[in-house]
Amino acid sequence: MATIKDKTMFVCSECGFDAPKWSGKCPSCGRWNTMKEITVKAQATQNATVTARKEASGKTDDSKPHTLGEIRSSDYPRIDMQDGELNRVLGGGLVQGSLVLLGGEPGIGKSTLTLQTVMRLQDLKVLYVSGEESARQIKMRAERLAAAGSGSQLNDNLLVLCETSLENIYEQIKKQKPELVVVDSIQTISSEYVDSSAGSITQVRECAASLLKFAKESGTPVLLIGHITKDGSIAGPKILEHIVDAVLQFEGDQHYLYRILRPIKNRFGSTAELGIYEMREDGLRQVSNPSELLLTDSHQGMSGVSIACTIEGVRPFLIEVQALASTAVYGTPQRSAIGFDVRRMNMLLAVLEKRVGFKLGQKDVFLNIAGGLKVSDPAIDLAVISAILSSSLDIAVDRTVCMTGEVGLSGEIRPVSRIEQRIAEAAKLGFERIIIPKNNMHGLNTGKAGIEVVPVTKVEEAFKQLFG
């Protein structure tokens, strides 16, 4: 009887399409130079991993189809993660049997967030699989988090396993029977029966698919930590993000204190939510009211500073927009923006010059969103041009005034979304006036707002309110 031999295939790193021959362009997604050669082991050797997975999940029978009437439509049971920000991003807690991927820059705090969260789950048996750190390193971080008094405690229900072999991980899962499995990180895990190195397209795809089947068969949630590439996307094939139930992106600048947990994909909740943390020496602290931290009183009476009311996800908060306009030293004026799209800033400068009449063509313009945040909400346009004009005229903007509104090319102030939430946030923080687009006044009850609402239709009207 002839033996089944291994075969070579070419797999697209973007969409996961496989073909027997190499081609420069993927026939499925149309991307160029994404077909990578892999070696697929014979079915006989692949069965060893399948058997280990089924033994770990406790399911050995084959699946069968069910009618819709036989399937119970009850809500997915969720696990309270003892973290309000993480629960909000997940949609109310971690769903049993789900596969969640957490990605972010190196050193941003992915492992710290995961470890301090599972340490709070005192009544849950957790298996923490680490392929990057030793058990002693994890113990040192755990002791530091426990000594901080943040609710994270050392307990016997947290089991640490330093292993990179998928088959050995399944063997330990079979013995320990954990209620939650954490894998740090998926790029370090490899199967003995896949002929490629750890972190390759084949290994990441096969290991993630195997862990997904284990989570669905056993009902045990699995949390994966993933690396990202230099352009900010999650490392590995794009199919990795399609396999998992939720993709959480941990963002922030290492030079600032604040971290943002943003859901890119969530099958059990909304992708409009947002979690905000503050990085400290003793770990990550939840920030329930980010507006109070992002606003400071150190710029009182100084020009070039305005307050914008923005929305990130579904959470409103106020941010400080700083601008500096000075005479250009060189022939070509410089344009620079931190935390804001520089192309949009150039568009707003053109609106100021064409529609309002302020000559900024021979001035350097620098813009900064305080706190290291990256904001894409167009509702901060009005605050951006107000800060630039304030710096150019050297006239300070009243610190009791905040504003929100998108600026159009003709100089009109366009309406923004969730205006009631923005006004309520400004009133809660003690602001006296808020400038909003006039079109947002339809159906808006300002009597109970607790703040003076000033509607404007043009940029000139807003400037009259700010500078007289």
Foldseek 3Di string as FASTA:
>chain_A
DDDDAKAKWWAFQAAGDIDNDDDQADPPPGDGPRTDIFIAGDPVVVVLLVVLLCLLLVHDDDDDDDDPVVDDPDDFDFDDLVDPQVCVQQARHHGFLFEEEEEEAPPLAPVLVVQQSVQLPQVFQEEEEEQDDDPVVSVVLQVLLCVVPPNRDDHPSYHYHHDQESSVVSVVSSVPVGQEYEYHALQSHAYPNTPDHRNAQVRSVVSLLSVSVSSNSRRRYYYHYFYADPVGHTRYGNCSCVSGQWYWYWDFDPVFFKIKIATPHHNNHDRLGIWMWGQDPNGTHGDPACQVVQDDPPCPFWALKAKEWFGRRNAIHIWIKGKAKAFAPDPFAAFEEQLEDSVVVVLLVLLCCPQVNDDRRRIHMYIYTTRRHRDDGQQCSLVNVRSHVRNVVRGHFDPLEHETFHADNNQWTDADPPVLNSLLNSQVVPRAEYEGAPVVCVVDDPPPSNHHYHHDTGSVVVCVVGPD
